[in-house]
């Protein structure tokens, strides 16, 4: 790819229109080009940013959320928490599922379980395997920041395996044969928050502290 691109060449490189690129730039999603005379010149960094914005849009993130994601890393946790809240409360403001590119994933990770639905992270919907937008969108964001896909997969699979084990234990503890399903649902949501809080505290402690491992 050329080190310097005009806006028309940039549009061709990312499959967008010049109008869209200028709209993203006006919203602060794309840093300004270098001006040489009266011609704006873009780089591979602009290409990467536009690909990231497009992928996040496909996963259902709003432009406002995308701006926070790409400009302010410290806001990642707040955005993920918001996505998690809408999933937990079943009040999503965007579509919640996205088709899973099974073939591509198995090419990258041939060691995955034969039946991916056993993980609890994917399920069948309208004849195709889907997963939650939160997993796909945030996973792609981390991948764009250089986190290996193998590690991202390990994070999800190990967390899912632990969550399923704890969820079954929680249900067994509450079931009496005459259980109140609303109560079970409400208490399960509280228990999820307890587990998520404990996971977040321990994970961040280990990830941030070089002496922890």
C-alpha atoms as a PDB file:
ATOM      1  CA  UNK A   1       0.000   0.000   0.000  1.00  0.00           C
ATOM      2  CA  UNK A   2       1.236   3.489  -0.784  1.00  0.00           C
ATOM      3  CA  UNK A   3       2.516   5.435   2.243  1.00  0.00           C
ATOM      4  CA  UNK A   4       0.506   8.474   1.163  1.00  0.00           C
ATOM      5  CA  UNK A   5      -3.077   8.331  -0.096  1.00  0.00           C
ATOM      6  CA  UNK A   6      -5.464  10.957  -1.362  1.00  0.00           C
ATOM      7  CA  UNK A   7      -8.980  10.829   0.060  1.00  0.00           C
ATOM      8  CA  UNK A   8     -10.207   9.103  -3.120  1.00  0.00           C
ATOM      9  CA  UNK A   9      -7.465   6.466  -2.860  1.00  0.00           C
ATOM     10  CA  UNK A  10      -8.281   6.005   0.825  1.00  0.00           C
ATOM     11  CA  UNK A  11     -11.947   5.480  -0.005  1.00  0.00           C
ATOM     12  CA  UNK A  12     -11.029   2.820  -2.578  1.00  0.00           C
ATOM     13  CA  UNK A  13      -8.684   1.102  -0.104  1.00  0.00           C
ATOM     14  CA  UNK A  14     -11.344   0.697   2.603  1.00  0.00           C
ATOM     15  CA  UNK A  15     -14.421   0.288   0.405  1.00  0.00           C
ATOM     16  CA  UNK A  16     -16.145   3.458   1.602  1.00  0.00           C
ATOM     17  CA  UNK A  17     -17.296   6.648  -0.038  1.00  0.00           C
ATOM     18  CA  UNK A  18     -15.399   9.919   0.243  1.00  0.00           C
ATOM     19  CA  UNK A  19     -18.507  11.372   1.856  1.00  0.00           C
ATOM     20  CA  UNK A  20     -18.448   8.714   4.611  1.00  0.00           C
ATOM     21  CA  UNK A  21     -14.781   9.317   5.301  1.00  0.00           C
ATOM     22  CA  UNK A  22     -15.325  13.035   5.660  1.00  0.00           C
ATOM     23  CA  UNK A  23     -18.306  12.401   7.937  1.00  0.00           C
ATOM     24  CA  UNK A  24     -16.178  10.168  10.198  1.00  0.00           C
ATOM     25  CA  UNK A  25     -13.480  12.821  10.240  1.00  0.00           C
ATOM     26  CA  UNK A  26     -15.964  15.539  11.207  1.00  0.00           C
ATOM     27  CA  UNK A  27     -17.128  13.370  14.142  1.00  0.00           C
ATOM     28  CA  UNK A  28     -13.564  12.932  15.361  1.00  0.00           C
ATOM     29  CA  UNK A  29     -13.361   9.246  14.459  1.00  0.00           C
ATOM     30  CA  UNK A  30     -10.474   9.834  12.057  1.00  0.00           C
ATOM     31  CA  UNK A  31      -7.441  11.968  12.862  1.00  0.00           C
ATOM     32  CA  UNK A  32      -6.737  14.779  10.373  1.00  0.00           C
ATOM     33  CA  UNK A  33      -4.629  14.107   7.266  1.00  0.00           C
ATOM     34  CA  UNK A  34      -1.369  15.861   6.483  1.00  0.00           C
ATOM     35  CA  UNK A  35      -1.920  18.845   4.209  1.00  0.00           C
ATOM     36  CA  UNK A  36       0.594  19.440   1.414  1.00  0.00           C
ATOM     37  CA  UNK A  37      -0.474  22.545  -0.358  1.00  0.00           C
ATOM     38  CA  UNK A  38      -4.186  22.069  -0.886  1.00  0.00           C
ATOM     39  CA  UNK A  39      -4.086  18.244  -1.033  1.00  0.00           C
ATOM     40  CA  UNK A  40      -4.874  16.072   2.002  1.00  0.00           C
ATOM     41  CA  UNK A  41      -2.665  12.986   2.393  1.00  0.00           C
ATOM     42  CA  UNK A  42      -3.668   9.900   4.415  1.00  0.00           C
ATOM     43  CA  UNK A  43      -1.592   6.960   5.671  1.00  0.00           C
ATOM     44  CA  UNK A  44      -1.960   3.301   6.577  1.00  0.00           C
ATOM     45  CA  UNK A  45      -2.940   4.477  10.061  1.00  0.00           C
ATOM     46  CA  UNK A  46      -6.083   6.031   8.608  1.00  0.00           C
ATOM     47  CA  UNK A  47      -6.812   2.782   6.779  1.00  0.00           C
ATOM     48  CA  UNK A  48      -6.489   0.762   9.997  1.00  0.00           C
ATOM     49  CA  UNK A  49      -8.719   3.179  11.912  1.00  0.00           C
ATOM     50  CA  UNK A  50     -11.459   3.016   9.272  1.00  0.00           C
ATOM     51  CA  UNK A  51     -11.368  -0.794   9.211  1.00  0.00           C
ATOM     52  CA  UNK A  52     -11.730  -0.817  12.999  1.00  0.00           C
ATOM     53  CA  UNK A  53     -14.643   1.636  12.920  1.00  0.00           C
ATOM     54  CA  UNK A  54     -16.403  -0.419  10.240  1.00  0.00           C
ATOM     55  CA  UNK A  55     -15.986  -3.694  12.141  1.00  0.00           C
ATOM     56  CA  UNK A  56     -17.340  -2.171  15.357  1.00  0.00           C
ATOM     57  CA  UNK A  57     -20.324  -0.738  13.494  1.00  0.00           C
ATOM     58  CA  UNK A  58     -21.075  -4.199  12.119  1.00  0.00           C
ATOM     59  CA  UNK A  59     -21.177  -5.520  15.676  1.00  0.00           C
ATOM     60  CA  UNK A  60     -23.797  -2.933  16.628  1.00  0.00           C
ATOM     61  CA  UNK A  61     -21.746  -0.270  18.394  1.00  0.00           C
ATOM     62  CA  UNK A  62     -22.954   3.302  17.940  1.00  0.00           C
ATOM     63  CA  UNK A  63     -20.584   5.926  16.537  1.00  0.00           C
ATOM     64  CA  UNK A  64     -20.472   7.582  19.948  1.00  0.00           C
ATOM     65  CA  UNK A  65     -19.383   4.333  21.611  1.00  0.00           C
ATOM     66  CA  UNK A  66     -16.845   3.686  18.866  1.00  0.00           C
ATOM     67  CA  UNK A  67     -15.307   7.117  19.396  1.00  0.00           C
ATOM     68  CA  UNK A  68     -14.850   6.372  23.083  1.00  0.00           C
ATOM     69  CA  UNK A  69     -13.369   2.965  22.278  1.00  0.00           C
ATOM     70  CA  UNK A  70     -10.781   4.187  19.798  1.00  0.00           C
ATOM     71  CA  UNK A  71      -9.894   7.475  21.488  1.00  0.00           C
ATOM     72  CA  UNK A  72     -10.062   6.731  25.198  1.00  0.00           C
ATOM     73  CA  UNK A  73      -8.824   3.260  26.210  1.00  0.00           C
ATOM     74  CA  UNK A  74      -9.917   3.904  29.806  1.00  0.00           C
ATOM     75  CA  UNK A  75     -13.528   3.929  28.598  1.00  0.00           C
ATOM     76  CA  UNK A  76     -13.378   0.297  27.402  1.00  0.00           C
ATOM     77  CA  UNK A  77     -14.580  -0.980  30.770  1.00  0.00           C
ATOM     78  CA  UNK A  78     -17.540   1.417  30.842  1.00  0.00           C
ATOM     79  CA  UNK A  79     -18.669   0.412  27.359  1.00  0.00           C
ATOM     80  CA  UNK A  80     -18.334  -3.290  28.111  1.00  0.00           C
ATOM     81  CA  UNK A  81     -20.227  -2.785  31.369  1.00  0.00           C
ATOM     82  CA  UNK A  82     -23.032  -1.082  29.466  1.00  0.00           C
ATOM     83  CA  UNK A  83     -23.215  -3.907  26.928  1.00  0.00           C
ATOM     84  CA  UNK A  84     -23.192  -6.414  29.785  1.00  0.00           C
ATOM     85  CA  UNK A  85     -25.976  -4.539  31.582  1.00  0.00           C
ATOM     86  CA  UNK A  86     -28.269  -4.478  28.553  1.00  0.00           C
ATOM     87  CA  UNK A  87     -27.648  -8.188  27.992  1.00  0.00           C
ATOM     88  CA  UNK A  88     -28.331  -9.031  31.647  1.00  0.00           C
ATOM     89  CA  UNK A  89     -31.462  -6.894  31.863  1.00  0.00           C
ATOM     90  CA  UNK A  90     -32.647  -7.982  28.425  1.00  0.00           C
ATOM     91  CA  UNK A  91     -32.993  -4.355  27.333  1.00  0.00           C
ATOM     92  CA  UNK A  92     -30.558  -4.120  24.411  1.00  0.00           C
ATOM     93  CA  UNK A  93     -30.549  -0.944  22.361  1.00  0.00           C
ATOM     94  CA  UNK A  94     -28.769  -2.672  19.467  1.00  0.00           C
ATOM     95  CA  UNK A  95     -29.019  -6.087  17.900  1.00  0.00           C
ATOM     96  CA  UNK A  96     -27.527  -8.627  20.302  1.00  0.00           C
ATOM     97  CA  UNK A  97     -26.485 -11.511  18.049  1.00  0.00           C
ATOM     98  CA  UNK A  98     -24.102 -11.851  15.146  1.00  0.00           C
ATOM     99  CA  UNK A  99     -23.449 -14.798  12.827  1.00  0.00           C
ATOM    100  CA  UNK A 100     -20.347 -16.789  13.731  1.00  0.00           C
ATOM    101  CA  UNK A 101     -17.790 -17.259  10.903  1.00  0.00           C
ATOM    102  CA  UNK A 102     -17.261 -20.911  11.843  1.00  0.00           C
ATOM    103  CA  UNK A 103     -15.048 -21.844   8.885  1.00  0.00           C
ATOM    104  CA  UNK A 104     -12.655 -18.955   9.420  1.00  0.00           C
ATOM    105  CA  UNK A 105     -12.510 -19.573  13.170  1.00  0.00           C
ATOM    106  CA  UNK A 106     -11.688 -23.258  12.718  1.00  0.00           C
ATOM    107  CA  UNK A 107      -8.914 -22.360  10.286  1.00  0.00           C
ATOM    108  CA  UNK A 108      -7.340 -20.175  12.949  1.00  0.00           C
ATOM    109  CA  UNK A 109      -8.128 -22.472  15.883  1.00  0.00           C
ATOM    110  CA  UNK A 110      -8.447 -26.108  14.771  1.00  0.00           C
ATOM    111  CA  UNK A 111      -8.441 -27.347  18.382  1.00  0.00           C
ATOM    112  CA  UNK A 112     -11.890 -25.984  19.202  1.00  0.00           C
ATOM    113  CA  UNK A 113     -14.597 -28.396  20.489  1.00  0.00           C
ATOM    114  CA  UNK A 114     -16.504 -30.202  17.756  1.00  0.00           C
ATOM    115  CA  UNK A 115     -19.839 -28.909  19.031  1.00  0.00           C
ATOM    116  CA  UNK A 116     -19.339 -25.226  19.769  1.00  0.00           C
ATOM    117  CA  UNK A 117     -22.777 -24.930  21.393  1.00  0.00           C
ATOM    118  CA  UNK A 118     -21.433 -26.970  24.316  1.00  0.00           C
ATOM    119  CA  UNK A 119     -19.412 -23.925  25.348  1.00  0.00           C
ATOM    120  CA  UNK A 120     -22.583 -21.960  26.002  1.00  0.00           C
ATOM    121  CA  UNK A 121     -21.145 -19.057  24.031  1.00  0.00           C
ATOM    122  CA  UNK A 122     -22.840 -19.844  20.712  1.00  0.00           C
ATOM    123  CA  UNK A 123     -26.244 -21.186  19.767  1.00  0.00           C
ATOM    124  CA  UNK A 124     -28.408 -21.908  16.747  1.00  0.00           C
ATOM    125  CA  UNK A 125     -30.678 -19.158  15.485  1.00  0.00           C
ATOM    126  CA  UNK A 126     -32.565 -19.229  12.172  1.00  0.00           C
ATOM    127  CA  UNK A 127     -30.402 -22.083  10.921  1.00  0.00           C
ATOM    128  CA  UNK A 128     -27.006 -20.554  11.662  1.00  0.00           C
ATOM    129  CA  UNK A 129     -24.600 -20.434  14.564  1.00  0.00           C
ATOM    130  CA  UNK A 130     -24.593 -17.067  16.305  1.00  0.00           C
ATOM    131  CA  UNK A 131     -22.876 -15.536  19.291  1.00  0.00           C
ATOM    132  CA  UNK A 132     -23.490 -12.432  21.349  1.00  0.00           C
ATOM    133  CA  UNK A 133     -22.472  -9.123  19.824  1.00  0.00           C
ATOM    134  CA  UNK A 134     -20.583  -8.258  23.010  1.00  0.00           C
ATOM    135  CA  UNK A 135     -18.141 -11.161  22.553  1.00  0.00           C
ATOM    136  CA  UNK A 136     -17.533 -10.562  18.866  1.00  0.00           C
ATOM    137  CA  UNK A 137     -17.301  -6.781  19.035  1.00  0.00           C
ATOM    138  CA  UNK A 138     -15.027  -6.506  22.068  1.00  0.00           C
ATOM    139  CA  UNK A 139     -12.961  -9.479  20.882  1.00  0.00           C
ATOM    140  CA  UNK A 140     -12.307  -7.774  17.563  1.00  0.00           C
ATOM    141  CA  UNK A 141     -11.402  -4.557  19.340  1.00  0.00           C
ATOM    142  CA  UNK A 142      -8.768  -6.359  21.419  1.00  0.00           C
ATOM    143  CA  UNK A 143      -7.499  -8.214  18.352  1.00  0.00           C
ATOM    144  CA  UNK A 144      -7.091  -4.872  16.566  1.00  0.00           C
ATOM    145  CA  UNK A 145      -4.905  -3.776  19.480  1.00  0.00           C
ATOM    146  CA  UNK A 146      -2.575  -6.741  18.955  1.00  0.00           C
ATOM    147  CA  UNK A 147      -3.931  -9.332  21.408  1.00  0.00           C
ATOM    148  CA  UNK A 148      -3.444 -12.839  19.850  1.00  0.00           C
ATOM    149  CA  UNK A 149      -6.644 -14.606  18.823  1.00  0.00           C
ATOM    150  CA  UNK A 150      -5.466 -17.733  20.670  1.00  0.00           C
ATOM    151  CA  UNK A 151      -5.390 -15.806  23.953  1.00  0.00           C
ATOM    152  CA  UNK A 152      -8.766 -14.197  23.270  1.00  0.00           C
ATOM    153  CA  UNK A 153     -10.265 -17.635  22.650  1.00  0.00           C
ATOM    154  CA  UNK A 154      -8.706 -19.032  25.800  1.00  0.00           C
ATOM    155  CA  UNK A 155     -10.134 -16.156  27.831  1.00  0.00           C
ATOM    156  CA  UNK A 156     -13.627 -16.861  26.535  1.00  0.00           C
ATOM    157  CA  UNK A 157     -13.558 -20.663  26.731  1.00  0.00           C
ATOM    158  CA  UNK A 158     -12.068 -20.872  30.216  1.00  0.00           C
ATOM    159  CA  UNK A 159     -14.416 -18.198  31.550  1.00  0.00           C
ATOM    160  CA  UNK A 160     -17.392 -19.972  29.946  1.00  0.00           C
ATOM    161  CA  UNK A 161     -16.417 -23.365  31.373  1.00  0.00           C
ATOM    162  CA  UNK A 162     -16.111 -21.928  34.874  1.00  0.00           C
ATOM    163  CA  UNK A 163     -19.349 -19.962  34.501  1.00  0.00           C
ATOM    164  CA  UNK A 164     -21.317 -23.043  33.415  1.00  0.00           C
ATOM    165  CA  UNK A 165     -19.999 -25.082  36.346  1.00  0.00           C
ATOM    166  CA  UNK A 166     -20.903 -22.349  38.818  1.00  0.00           C
ATOM    167  CA  UNK A 167     -24.281 -21.750  37.184  1.00  0.00           C
ATOM    168  CA  UNK A 168     -25.255 -25.411  37.509  1.00  0.00           C
ATOM    169  CA  UNK A 169     -24.144 -25.444  41.145  1.00  0.00           C
ATOM    170  CA  UNK A 170     -26.151 -22.294  41.829  1.00  0.00           C
ATOM    171  CA  UNK A 171     -29.282 -23.724  40.225  1.00  0.00           C
ATOM    172  CA  UNK A 172     -28.923 -26.998  42.141  1.00  0.00           C
ATOM    173  CA  UNK A 173     -28.628 -25.110  45.419  1.00  0.00           C
ATOM    174  CA  UNK A 174     -31.810 -23.121  44.782  1.00  0.00           C
ATOM    175  CA  UNK A 175     -34.002 -25.819  43.248  1.00  0.00           C
ATOM    176  CA  UNK A 176     -36.503 -27.293  45.697  1.00  0.00           C
ATOM    177  CA  UNK A 177     -38.967 -28.916  43.318  1.00  0.00           C
ATOM    178  CA  UNK A 178     -41.342 -26.017  43.890  1.00  0.00           C
ATOM    179  CA  UNK A 179     -38.986 -23.234  42.905  1.00  0.00           C
ATOM    180  CA  UNK A 180     -40.050 -19.716  42.068  1.00  0.00           C
ATOM    181  CA  UNK A 181     -38.604 -19.171  38.588  1.00  0.00           C
ATOM    182  CA  UNK A 182     -38.737 -15.383  38.899  1.00  0.00           C
ATOM    183  CA  UNK A 183     -36.812 -15.571  42.166  1.00  0.00           C
ATOM    184  CA  UNK A 184     -34.315 -17.978  40.614  1.00  0.00           C
ATOM    185  CA  UNK A 185     -33.820 -15.616  37.674  1.00  0.00           C
ATOM    186  CA  UNK A 186     -33.383 -12.557  39.894  1.00  0.00           C
ATOM    187  CA  UNK A 187     -30.935 -14.249  42.252  1.00  0.00           C
ATOM    188  CA  UNK A 188     -28.998 -15.670  39.298  1.00  0.00           C
ATOM    189  CA  UNK A 189     -28.487 -12.165  37.933  1.00  0.00           C
ATOM    190  CA  UNK A 190     -27.162 -11.004  41.297  1.00  0.00           C
ATOM    191  CA  UNK A 191     -24.874 -14.025  41.445  1.00  0.00           C
ATOM    192  CA  UNK A 192     -23.571 -13.226  37.964  1.00  0.00           C
ATOM    193  CA  UNK A 193     -22.628  -9.750  39.164  1.00  0.00           C
ATOM    194  CA  UNK A 194     -20.822 -11.232  42.160  1.00  0.00           C
ATOM    195  CA  UNK A 195     -18.887 -13.589  39.881  1.00  0.00           C
ATOM    196  CA  UNK A 196     -18.149 -10.843  37.347  1.00  0.00           C
ATOM    197  CA  UNK A 197     -16.904  -8.508  40.080  1.00  0.00           C
ATOM    198  CA  UNK A 198     -14.625 -11.186  41.557  1.00  0.00           C
ATOM    199  CA  UNK A 199     -13.323 -12.114  38.087  1.00  0.00           C
ATOM    200  CA  UNK A 200     -12.683  -8.468  37.195  1.00  0.00           C
ATOM    201  CA  UNK A 201     -10.832  -7.714  40.452  1.00  0.00           C
ATOM    202  CA  UNK A 202      -8.583 -10.784  40.196  1.00  0.00           C
ATOM    203  CA  UNK A 203      -8.008 -10.437  36.455  1.00  0.00           C
ATOM    204  CA  UNK A 204      -7.040  -6.769  36.580  1.00  0.00           C
ATOM    205  CA  UNK A 205      -4.803  -7.358  39.575  1.00  0.00           C
ATOM    206  CA  UNK A 206      -2.879 -10.026  37.673  1.00  0.00           C
ATOM    207  CA  UNK A 207      -2.862  -8.206  34.326  1.00  0.00           C
ATOM    208  CA  UNK A 208      -1.577  -4.935  35.771  1.00  0.00           C
ATOM    209  CA  UNK A 209       0.929  -6.226  38.329  1.00  0.00           C
ATOM    210  CA  UNK A 210       4.173  -7.568  36.780  1.00  0.00           C
ATOM    211  CA  UNK A 211       5.077  -9.259  40.079  1.00  0.00           C
ATOM    212  CA  UNK A 212       1.896 -11.354  40.222  1.00  0.00           C
ATOM    213  CA  UNK A 213       3.055 -14.163  38.006  1.00  0.00           C
END
